[in-house]
N, C-alpha and C. Protein backbone atom coordinates (compact mmCIF):
# COMPACT_ATOMS: atom_id res chain seq x y z
N UNK A 1 3.06 -12.24 8.39
CA UNK A 1 3.74 -10.80 9.09
C UNK A 1 4.79 -10.32 7.85
N UNK A 2 5.21 -11.76 7.32
CA UNK A 2 6.15 -11.35 5.80
C UNK A 2 5.62 -10.24 5.20
N UNK A 3 4.26 -10.65 4.50
CA UNK A 3 3.39 -9.63 3.98
C UNK A 3 3.23 -8.14 4.34
N UNK A 4 3.09 -8.58 5.45
CA UNK A 4 2.71 -6.97 6.44
C UNK A 4 4.29 -6.36 5.92
N UNK A 5 5.53 -6.80 6.23
CA UNK A 5 6.50 -5.96 6.31
C UNK A 5 6.76 -5.66 4.61
N UNK A 6 6.42 -6.37 3.67
CA UNK A 6 6.35 -5.83 2.38
C UNK A 6 5.61 -5.13 1.67
N UNK A 7 4.15 -5.16 2.51
CA UNK A 7 3.42 -4.07 2.06
C UNK A 7 4.05 -2.85 2.62
N UNK A 8 4.46 -2.27 3.24
CA UNK A 8 5.13 -1.48 4.30
C UNK A 8 6.17 -0.74 3.58
N UNK A 9 7.07 -1.93 2.95
CA UNK A 9 7.95 -1.50 1.97
C UNK A 9 7.56 -0.79 1.03
N UNK A 10 7.01 -1.71 0.39
CA UNK A 10 6.18 -1.23 -1.18
C UNK A 10 5.43 -0.01 -1.13
N UNK A 11 5.25 0.60 -0.04
CA UNK A 11 4.28 1.81 0.23
C UNK A 11 5.05 2.55 0.17
N UNK A 12 6.14 2.66 1.01
CA UNK A 12 7.33 3.62 1.14
C UNK A 12 8.09 3.89 -0.50
N UNK A 13 8.30 2.66 -1.34
CA UNK A 13 9.04 3.09 -2.20
C UNK A 13 7.81 3.54 -3.48
N UNK A 14 6.79 3.65 -3.02
CA UNK A 14 5.67 4.29 -4.12
C UNK A 14 5.82 5.42 -3.88
N UNK A 15 5.75 6.07 -2.45
CA UNK A 15 6.00 7.52 -2.34
C UNK A 15 6.63 8.21 -2.83
N UNK A 16 8.19 7.18 -2.97
CA UNK A 16 9.31 8.02 -3.60
C UNK A 16 9.20 7.81 -4.79
N UNK A 17 8.63 7.13 -5.42
CA UNK A 17 8.58 6.60 -6.84
C UNK A 17 6.96 7.23 -7.63
N UNK A 18 6.37 8.21 -6.66
CA UNK A 18 5.11 8.72 -7.04
C UNK A 18 3.89 7.79 -7.73
N UNK A 19 3.75 6.90 -6.85
CA UNK A 19 2.68 5.78 -6.80
C UNK A 19 2.85 4.94 -8.01
N UNK A 20 3.94 4.61 -8.57
CA UNK A 20 3.70 3.83 -9.97
C UNK A 20 4.03 2.34 -9.76
N UNK A 21 3.86 1.86 -8.51
CA UNK A 21 3.95 0.24 -8.71
C UNK A 21 2.67 -0.06 -7.32
N UNK A 22 2.01 0.73 -7.42
CA UNK A 22 0.28 0.22 -6.42
C UNK A 22 -0.19 -1.11 -6.70
N UNK A 23 -0.27 -1.47 -7.79
CA UNK A 23 -0.80 -2.70 -8.25
C UNK A 23 -0.33 -3.88 -7.36
N UNK A 24 1.36 -3.93 -6.83
CA UNK A 24 1.94 -5.01 -5.91
C UNK A 24 1.18 -4.76 -4.83
N UNK A 25 0.93 -3.45 -4.30
CA UNK A 25 0.38 -3.58 -2.91
C UNK A 25 -1.11 -4.23 -3.09
N UNK A 26 -1.97 -3.95 -4.30
CA UNK A 26 -3.37 -4.05 -4.22
C UNK A 26 -3.59 -5.87 -4.60
N UNK A 27 -2.30 -6.26 -5.19
CA UNK A 27 -2.26 -7.69 -5.47
C UNK A 27 -2.22 -8.65 -4.09
N UNK A 28 -0.73 -8.21 -3.09
CA UNK A 28 -1.06 -8.68 -1.75
C UNK A 28 -2.25 -8.33 -0.59
N UNK A 29 -2.91 -7.14 -1.08
CA UNK A 29 -3.95 -6.71 -0.02
C UNK A 29 -5.38 -7.73 -0.61
N UNK A 30 -5.63 -8.22 -1.91
CA UNK A 30 -6.86 -9.05 -2.73
C UNK A 30 -6.33 -10.54 -2.26
N UNK A 31 -5.14 -10.65 -1.38
CA UNK A 31 -5.12 -12.38 -0.67
C UNK A 31 -5.41 -12.25 0.54
N UNK A 32 -6.31 -11.23 1.18
CA UNK A 32 -6.49 -11.14 2.77
C UNK A 32 -7.91 -10.54 2.74
N UNK A 33 -8.88 -11.85 3.48
CA UNK A 33 -10.20 -11.24 3.31
C UNK A 33 -10.33 -9.74 4.69
N UNK A 34 -9.52 -9.66 5.46
CA UNK A 34 -9.51 -9.12 6.86
C UNK A 34 -8.43 -7.64 6.34
N UNK A 35 -8.26 -7.51 5.40
CA UNK A 35 -7.00 -6.34 4.88
C UNK A 35 -8.00 -5.38 4.08
N UNK A 36 -8.08 -4.15 4.57
CA UNK A 36 -8.20 -2.77 3.78
C UNK A 36 -7.05 -1.88 3.49
N UNK A 37 -7.00 -1.37 2.16
CA UNK A 37 -5.51 -0.49 2.21
C UNK A 37 -6.52 0.36 0.98
N UNK A 38 -6.06 1.64 1.51
CA UNK A 38 -6.62 2.64 0.42
C UNK A 38 -5.15 3.84 0.54
N UNK A 39 -4.96 4.11 -0.57
CA UNK A 39 -4.21 5.34 -1.12
C UNK A 39 -4.38 5.92 -2.03
N UNK A 40 -3.46 7.30 -1.76
CA UNK A 40 -4.23 7.92 -3.20
C UNK A 40 -2.85 9.39 -2.77
N UNK A 41 -2.50 10.18 -3.90
CA UNK A 41 -2.18 11.56 -4.08
C UNK A 41 -2.35 12.86 -4.39
N UNK A 42 -2.09 13.35 -3.34
CA UNK A 42 -3.03 14.92 -3.50
C UNK A 42 -1.62 15.87 -3.08
N UNK A 43 -1.99 16.89 -4.19
CA UNK A 43 -0.90 18.34 -3.77
C UNK A 43 0.32 17.57 -3.34
N UNK A 44 1.17 16.53 -4.23
CA UNK A 44 2.34 16.26 -3.84
C UNK A 44 2.48 15.16 -2.46
N UNK A 45 1.82 15.01 -2.02
CA UNK A 45 1.50 14.07 -0.70
C UNK A 45 0.82 12.40 -0.90
N UNK A 46 1.48 11.62 -0.46
CA UNK A 46 1.07 10.38 -0.86
C UNK A 46 0.45 9.87 0.48
N UNK A 47 -0.64 9.44 0.42
CA UNK A 47 -1.60 9.13 1.46
C UNK A 47 -2.03 7.52 1.66
N UNK A 48 -1.46 6.97 2.77
CA UNK A 48 -1.80 5.25 2.61
C UNK A 48 -2.48 5.07 3.91
N UNK A 49 -3.56 4.26 3.73
CA UNK A 49 -4.27 3.61 5.03
C UNK A 49 -4.42 2.64 4.94
N UNK A 50 -4.06 1.48 6.22
CA UNK A 50 -4.04 -0.06 6.01
C UNK A 50 -4.63 -0.42 6.95
N UNK A 51 -6.03 -1.17 7.15
CA UNK A 51 -6.59 -1.44 8.44
C UNK A 51 -6.39 -2.91 8.35
N UNK A 52 -6.32 -3.84 9.39
CA UNK A 52 -6.10 -5.10 9.43
C UNK A 52 -7.23 -5.37 10.73
N UNK A 53 -8.02 -6.35 10.12
CA UNK A 53 -8.80 -6.78 11.33
C UNK A 53 -8.81 -8.04 12.29
């Protein structure tokens, strides 16, 4: 649960800072086999998708 809160916080931080700290999100994602994270930036919009099985 704590990592989920961290991911959400990092995601908002990334959106504000224009995707500069995405490596932090990927590092947390790599710890879990049942988690999928996808992120992108297009037309000044930050898109974040997270799926947990």
